[in-house]
């Protein structure tokens, strides 16, 4: 299944990236995103209802707000 990841830098409101990752579920998608960037997962929330999960990720030089959803 494909998961779309939208990452927005909290330290720079203009930086916004979107990419697609092949994964079995949202957990695996965010794990790959974090690992590929040598980053640290600070928080990850999967709402009981709704199609997207939200994460906060810390890289060497920024903090990212990350949305993960299928499609």
PDB file of N, CA and C in Angstrom:
ATOM      1  N   UNK A   1       0.845  -1.167   0.000  1.00  0.00           N
ATOM      2  CA  UNK A   1       0.000   0.000   0.000  1.00  0.00           C
ATOM      3  C   UNK A   1       0.894   1.234   0.000  1.00  0.00           C
ATOM      4  N   UNK A   2       0.437   2.305  -0.615  1.00  0.00           N
ATOM      5  CA  UNK A   2       1.196   3.537  -0.640  1.00  0.00           C
ATOM      6  C   UNK A   2       0.691   4.478   0.448  1.00  0.00           C
ATOM      7  N   UNK A   3       1.631   5.109   1.111  1.00  0.00           N
ATOM      8  CA  UNK A   3       1.311   6.120   2.109  1.00  0.00           C
ATOM      9  C   UNK A   3       1.949   7.423   1.693  1.00  0.00           C
ATOM     10  N   UNK A   4       1.185   8.502   1.808  1.00  0.00           N
ATOM     11  CA  UNK A   4       1.703   9.828   1.515  1.00  0.00           C
ATOM     12  C   UNK A   4       2.158  10.438   2.822  1.00  0.00           C
ATOM     13  N   UNK A   5       3.325  11.065   2.761  1.00  0.00           N
ATOM     14  CA  UNK A   5       3.868  11.747   3.929  1.00  0.00           C
ATOM     15  C   UNK A   5       4.062  13.213   3.562  1.00  0.00           C
ATOM     16  N   UNK A   6       3.459  14.090   4.356  1.00  0.00           N
ATOM     17  CA  UNK A   6       3.661  15.523   4.203  1.00  0.00           C
ATOM     18  C   UNK A   6       4.432  16.002   5.422  1.00  0.00           C
ATOM     19  N   UNK A   7       5.583  16.599   5.177  1.00  0.00           N
ATOM     20  CA  UNK A   7       6.429  17.080   6.264  1.00  0.00           C
ATOM     21  C   UNK A   7       6.567  18.587   6.162  1.00  0.00           C
ATOM     22  N   UNK A   8       6.302  19.274   7.254  1.00  0.00           N
ATOM     23  CA  UNK A   8       6.423  20.730   7.301  1.00  0.00           C
ATOM     24  C   UNK A   8       7.359  21.097   8.447  1.00  0.00           C
ATOM     25  N   UNK A   9       8.373  21.887   8.135  1.00  0.00           N
ATOM     26  CA  UNK A   9       9.303  22.325   9.177  1.00  0.00           C
ATOM     27  C   UNK A   9       8.605  23.302  10.103  1.00  0.00           C
ATOM     28  N   UNK A  10       8.663  23.039  11.381  1.00  0.00           N
ATOM     29  CA  UNK A  10       8.092  23.965  12.356  1.00  0.00           C
ATOM     30  C   UNK A  10       9.016  25.156  12.564  1.00  0.00           C
ATOM     31  N   UNK A  11      10.295  24.966  12.273  1.00  0.00           N
ATOM     32  CA  UNK A  11      11.270  26.041  12.438  1.00  0.00           C
ATOM     33  C   UNK A  11      11.313  26.959  11.220  1.00  0.00           C
ATOM     34  N   UNK A  12      10.680  26.549  10.106  1.00  0.00           N
ATOM     35  CA  UNK A  12      10.626  27.346   8.889  1.00  0.00           C
ATOM     36  C   UNK A  12       9.276  27.077   8.238  1.00  0.00           C
ATOM     37  N   UNK A  13       8.325  27.964   8.429  1.00  0.00           N
ATOM     38  CA  UNK A  13       6.961  27.757   7.955  1.00  0.00           C
ATOM     39  C   UNK A  13       6.811  27.579   6.460  1.00  0.00           C
ATOM     40  N   UNK A  14       7.851  27.902   5.680  1.00  0.00           N
ATOM     41  CA  UNK A  14       7.739  27.816   4.226  1.00  0.00           C
ATOM     42  C   UNK A  14       8.189  26.480   3.667  1.00  0.00           C
ATOM     43  N   UNK A  15       8.942  25.715   4.417  1.00  0.00           N
ATOM     44  CA  UNK A  15       9.455  24.437   3.919  1.00  0.00           C
ATOM     45  C   UNK A  15       8.388  23.362   4.078  1.00  0.00           C
ATOM     46  N   UNK A  16       7.987  22.767   2.966  1.00  0.00           N
ATOM     47  CA  UNK A  16       6.931  21.750   2.971  1.00  0.00           C
ATOM     48  C   UNK A  16       7.311  20.702   1.931  1.00  0.00           C
ATOM     49  N   UNK A  17       7.338  19.434   2.337  1.00  0.00           N
ATOM     50  CA  UNK A  17       7.697  18.348   1.430  1.00  0.00           C
ATOM     51  C   UNK A  17       6.607  17.292   1.439  1.00  0.00           C
ATOM     52  N   UNK A  18       6.352  16.711   0.275  1.00  0.00           N
ATOM     53  CA  UNK A  18       5.414  15.604   0.155  1.00  0.00           C
ATOM     54  C   UNK A  18       6.107  14.471  -0.576  1.00  0.00           C
ATOM     55  N   UNK A  19       5.956  13.251  -0.064  1.00  0.00           N
ATOM     56  CA  UNK A  19       6.529  12.088  -0.728  1.00  0.00           C
ATOM     57  C   UNK A  19       5.634  10.892  -0.506  1.00  0.00           C
ATOM     58  N   UNK A  20       5.869   9.853  -1.291  1.00  0.00           N
ATOM     59  CA  UNK A  20       5.098   8.618  -1.185  1.00  0.00           C
ATOM     60  C   UNK A  20       6.029   7.490  -0.784  1.00  0.00           C
ATOM     61  N   UNK A  21       5.591   6.666   0.179  1.00  0.00           N
ATOM     62  CA  UNK A  21       6.381   5.540   0.686  1.00  0.00           C
ATOM     63  C   UNK A  21       5.530   4.279   0.593  1.00  0.00           C
ATOM     64  N   UNK A  22       6.133   3.202   0.113  1.00  0.00           N
ATOM     65  CA  UNK A  22       5.474   1.893   0.121  1.00  0.00           C
ATOM     66  C   UNK A  22       5.635   1.290   1.514  1.00  0.00           C
ATOM     67  N   UNK A  23       4.525   0.930   2.151  1.00  0.00           N
ATOM     68  CA  UNK A  23       4.568   0.356   3.492  1.00  0.00           C
ATOM     69  C   UNK A  23       3.303  -0.452   3.739  1.00  0.00           C
ATOM     70  N   UNK A  24       3.367  -1.346   4.734  1.00  0.00           N
ATOM     71  CA  UNK A  24       2.207  -2.157   5.092  1.00  0.00           C
ATOM     72  C   UNK A  24       1.187  -1.374   5.907  1.00  0.00           C
ATOM     73  N   UNK A  25       1.666  -0.379   6.668  1.00  0.00           N
ATOM     74  CA  UNK A  25       0.775   0.426   7.499  1.00  0.00           C
ATOM     75  C   UNK A  25       1.442   1.762   7.804  1.00  0.00           C
ATOM     76  N   UNK A  26       0.717   2.649   8.483  1.00  0.00           N
ATOM     77  CA  UNK A  26       1.227   3.983   8.795  1.00  0.00           C
ATOM     78  C   UNK A  26       2.444   3.917   9.714  1.00  0.00           C
ATOM     79  N   UNK A  27       2.465   2.953  10.640  1.00  0.00           N
ATOM     80  CA  UNK A  27       3.615   2.801  11.536  1.00  0.00           C
ATOM     81  C   UNK A  27       4.888   2.525  10.743  1.00  0.00           C
ATOM     82  N   UNK A  28       4.799   1.604   9.798  1.00  0.00           N
ATOM     83  CA  UNK A  28       5.960   1.267   8.983  1.00  0.00           C
ATOM     84  C   UNK A  28       6.371   2.452   8.105  1.00  0.00           C
ATOM     85  N   UNK A  29       5.400   3.195   7.601  1.00  0.00           N
ATOM     86  CA  UNK A  29       5.710   4.361   6.766  1.00  0.00           C
ATOM     87  C   UNK A  29       6.493   5.412   7.551  1.00  0.00           C
ATOM     88  N   UNK A  30       6.044   5.728   8.767  1.00  0.00           N
ATOM     89  CA  UNK A  30       6.765   6.738   9.552  1.00  0.00           C
ATOM     90  C   UNK A  30       8.122   6.207   9.996  1.00  0.00           C
ATOM     91  N   UNK A  31       8.221   4.922  10.309  1.00  0.00           N
ATOM     92  CA  UNK A  31       9.514   4.335  10.671  1.00  0.00           C
ATOM     93  C   UNK A  31      10.521   4.495   9.532  1.00  0.00           C
ATOM     94  N   UNK A  32      10.093   4.226   8.300  1.00  0.00           N
ATOM     95  CA  UNK A  32      10.990   4.387   7.146  1.00  0.00           C
ATOM     96  C   UNK A  32      11.383   5.846   6.949  1.00  0.00           C
ATOM     97  N   UNK A  33      10.421   6.749   7.083  1.00  0.00           N
ATOM     98  CA  UNK A  33      10.696   8.184   6.945  1.00  0.00           C
ATOM     99  C   UNK A  33      11.756   8.616   7.941  1.00  0.00           C
ATOM    100  N   UNK A  34      11.582   8.222   9.197  1.00  0.00           N
ATOM    101  CA  UNK A  34      12.524   8.597  10.259  1.00  0.00           C
ATOM    102  C   UNK A  34      13.898   7.976  10.004  1.00  0.00           C
ATOM    103  N   UNK A  35      13.938   6.695   9.699  1.00  0.00           N
ATOM    104  CA  UNK A  35      15.210   6.000   9.464  1.00  0.00           C
ATOM    105  C   UNK A  35      15.958   6.593   8.271  1.00  0.00           C
ATOM    106  N   UNK A  36      15.251   6.872   7.180  1.00  0.00           N
ATOM    107  CA  UNK A  36      15.889   7.406   5.977  1.00  0.00           C
ATOM    108  C   UNK A  36      16.503   8.782   6.201  1.00  0.00           C
ATOM    109  N   UNK A  37      16.017   9.510   7.189  1.00  0.00           N
ATOM    110  CA  UNK A  37      16.536  10.845   7.494  1.00  0.00           C
ATOM    111  C   UNK A  37      17.440  10.880   8.712  1.00  0.00           C
ATOM    112  N   UNK A  38      17.737   9.691   9.245  1.00  0.00           N
ATOM    113  CA  UNK A  38      18.559   9.611  10.449  1.00  0.00           C
ATOM    114  C   UNK A  38      18.020  10.580  11.508  1.00  0.00           C
ATOM    115  N   UNK A  39      16.701  10.509  11.712  1.00  0.00           N
ATOM    116  CA  UNK A  39      16.014  11.434  12.603  1.00  0.00           C
ATOM    117  C   UNK A  39      15.527  10.711  13.852  1.00  0.00           C
ATOM    118  N   UNK A  40      14.840  11.454  14.705  1.00  0.00           N
ATOM    119  CA  UNK A  40      14.291  10.915  15.942  1.00  0.00           C
ATOM    120  C   UNK A  40      12.780  11.152  15.957  1.00  0.00           C
ATOM    121  N   UNK A  41      12.018  10.100  16.188  1.00  0.00           N
ATOM    122  CA  UNK A  41      10.573  10.217  16.311  1.00  0.00           C
ATOM    123  C   UNK A  41      10.262  10.719  17.716  1.00  0.00           C
ATOM    124  N   UNK A  42       9.664  11.892  17.803  1.00  0.00           N
ATOM    125  CA  UNK A  42       9.369  12.481  19.105  1.00  0.00           C
ATOM    126  C   UNK A  42       7.962  12.119  19.577  1.00  0.00           C
ATOM    127  N   UNK A  43       6.996  12.066  18.635  1.00  0.00           N
ATOM    128  CA  UNK A  43       5.634  11.673  18.987  1.00  0.00           C
ATOM    129  C   UNK A  43       4.952  11.111  17.742  1.00  0.00           C
ATOM    130  N   UNK A  44       3.956  10.248  17.968  1.00  0.00           N
ATOM    131  CA  UNK A  44       3.194   9.661  16.868  1.00  0.00           C
ATOM    132  C   UNK A  44       1.799   9.365  17.378  1.00  0.00           C
ATOM    133  N   UNK A  45       0.788   9.921  16.723  1.00  0.00           N
ATOM    134  CA  UNK A  45      -0.594   9.768  17.143  1.00  0.00           C
ATOM    135  C   UNK A  45      -1.422   9.200  16.006  1.00  0.00           C
ATOM    136  N   UNK A  46      -2.143   8.132  16.309  1.00  0.00           N
ATOM    137  CA  UNK A  46      -3.080   7.526  15.360  1.00  0.00           C
ATOM    138  C   UNK A  46      -4.483   7.745  15.895  1.00  0.00           C
ATOM    139  N   UNK A  47      -5.218   8.697  15.323  1.00  0.00           N
ATOM    140  CA  UNK A  47      -6.579   8.944  15.814  1.00  0.00           C
ATOM    141  C   UNK A  47      -7.467   7.708  15.658  1.00  0.00           C
ATOM    142  N   UNK A  48      -8.416   7.545  16.574  1.00  0.00           N
ATOM    143  CA  UNK A  48      -9.347   6.413  16.494  1.00  0.00           C
ATOM    144  C   UNK A  48     -10.188   6.504  15.226  1.00  0.00           C
ATOM    145  N   UNK A  49     -10.492   7.693  14.831  1.00  0.00           N
ATOM    146  CA  UNK A  49     -11.245   7.918  13.591  1.00  0.00           C
ATOM    147  C   UNK A  49     -10.428   8.829  12.697  1.00  0.00           C
ATOM    148  N   UNK A  50     -10.574   8.665  11.430  1.00  0.00           N
ATOM    149  CA  UNK A  50      -9.865   9.532  10.494  1.00  0.00           C
ATOM    150  C   UNK A  50      -8.751   8.792   9.794  1.00  0.00           C
ATOM    151  N   UNK A  51      -8.404   9.245   8.612  1.00  0.00           N
ATOM    152  CA  UNK A  51      -7.462   8.526   7.766  1.00  0.00           C
ATOM    153  C   UNK A  51      -5.999   8.864   7.992  1.00  0.00           C
ATOM    154  N   UNK A  52      -5.690   9.855   8.812  1.00  0.00           N
ATOM    155  CA  UNK A  52      -4.292  10.247   8.910  1.00  0.00           C
ATOM    156  C   UNK A  52      -3.734  10.118  10.316  1.00  0.00           C
ATOM    157  N   UNK A  53      -2.422   9.920  10.354  1.00  0.00           N
ATOM    158  CA  UNK A  53      -1.679   9.910  11.609  1.00  0.00           C
ATOM    159  C   UNK A  53      -0.786  11.147  11.611  1.00  0.00           C
ATOM    160  N   UNK A  54      -0.445  11.610  12.790  1.00  0.00           N
ATOM    161  CA  UNK A  54       0.374  12.806  12.940  1.00  0.00           C
ATOM    162  C   UNK A  54       1.607  12.457  13.772  1.00  0.00           C
ATOM    163  N   UNK A  55       2.764  12.956  13.333  1.00  0.00           N
ATOM    164  CA  UNK A  55       4.010  12.711  14.058  1.00  0.00           C
ATOM    165  C   UNK A  55       4.802  14.005  14.172  1.00  0.00           C
ATOM    166  N   UNK A  56       5.662  14.037  15.170  1.00  0.00           N
ATOM    167  CA  UNK A  56       6.660  15.090  15.303  1.00  0.00           C
ATOM    168  C   UNK A  56       8.009  14.405  15.204  1.00  0.00           C
ATOM    169  N   UNK A  57       8.865  14.913  14.311  1.00  0.00           N
ATOM    170  CA  UNK A  57      10.158  14.289  14.032  1.00  0.00           C
ATOM    171  C   UNK A  57      11.255  15.338  14.179  1.00  0.00           C
ATOM    172  N   UNK A  58      12.323  14.952  14.847  1.00  0.00           N
ATOM    173  CA  UNK A  58      13.464  15.857  15.040  1.00  0.00           C
ATOM    174  C   UNK A  58      14.619  15.395  14.166  1.00  0.00           C
ATOM    175  N   UNK A  59      15.083  16.296  13.307  1.00  0.00           N
ATOM    176  CA  UNK A  59      16.274  16.027  12.505  1.00  0.00           C
ATOM    177  C   UNK A  59      17.433  16.790  13.141  1.00  0.00           C
ATOM    178  N   UNK A  60      18.581  16.705  12.516  1.00  0.00           N
ATOM    179  CA  UNK A  60      19.758  17.388  13.078  1.00  0.00           C
ATOM    180  C   UNK A  60      19.548  18.892  13.195  1.00  0.00           C
ATOM    181  N   UNK A  61      18.817  19.478  12.248  1.00  0.00           N
ATOM    182  CA  UNK A  61      18.698  20.938  12.229  1.00  0.00           C
ATOM    183  C   UNK A  61      17.272  21.485  12.242  1.00  0.00           C
ATOM    184  N   UNK A  62      16.266  20.616  12.432  1.00  0.00           N
ATOM    185  CA  UNK A  62      14.897  21.132  12.436  1.00  0.00           C
ATOM    186  C   UNK A  62      13.933  20.166  13.125  1.00  0.00           C
ATOM    187  N   UNK A  63      12.744  20.673  13.380  1.00  0.00           N
ATOM    188  CA  UNK A  63      11.635  19.886  13.909  1.00  0.00           C
ATOM    189  C   UNK A  63      10.573  19.860  12.813  1.00  0.00           C
ATOM    190  N   UNK A  64      10.048  18.671  12.520  1.00  0.00           N
ATOM    191  CA  UNK A  64       9.057  18.510  11.461  1.00  0.00           C
ATOM    192  C   UNK A  64       7.720  18.060  12.029  1.00  0.00           C
ATOM    193  N   UNK A  65       6.644  18.627  11.527  1.00  0.00           N
ATOM    194  CA  UNK A  65       5.307  18.122  11.767  1.00  0.00           C
ATOM    195  C   UNK A  65       4.977  17.265  10.552  1.00  0.00           C
ATOM    196  N   UNK A  66       4.639  15.998  10.772  1.00  0.00           N
ATOM    197  CA  UNK A  66       4.486  15.036   9.691  1.00  0.00           C
ATOM    198  C   UNK A  66       3.079  14.452   9.694  1.00  0.00           C
ATOM    199  N   UNK A  67       2.398  14.490   8.548  1.00  0.00           N
ATOM    200  CA  UNK A  67       1.097  13.850   8.359  1.00  0.00           C
ATOM    201  C   UNK A  67       1.310  12.596   7.521  1.00  0.00           C
ATOM    202  N   UNK A  68       0.731  11.480   7.937  1.00  0.00           N
ATOM    203  CA  UNK A  68       0.837  10.205   7.217  1.00  0.00           C
ATOM    204  C   UNK A  68      -0.566   9.724   6.900  1.00  0.00           C
ATOM    205  N   UNK A  69      -0.829   9.455   5.615  1.00  0.00           N
ATOM    206  CA  UNK A  69      -2.144   8.935   5.241  1.00  0.00           C
ATOM    207  C   UNK A  69      -2.026   8.064   4.005  1.00  0.00           C
ATOM    208  N   UNK A  70      -2.948   7.121   3.861  1.00  0.00           N
ATOM    209  CA  UNK A  70      -2.892   6.216   2.712  1.00  0.00           C
ATOM    210  C   UNK A  70      -3.369   6.938   1.467  1.00  0.00           C
ATOM    211  N   UNK A  71      -2.783   6.523   0.361  1.00  0.00           N
ATOM    212  CA  UNK A  71      -3.198   7.106  -0.910  1.00  0.00           C
ATOM    213  C   UNK A  71      -2.128   7.793  -1.663  1.00  0.00           C
TER     214      UNK A  71
END
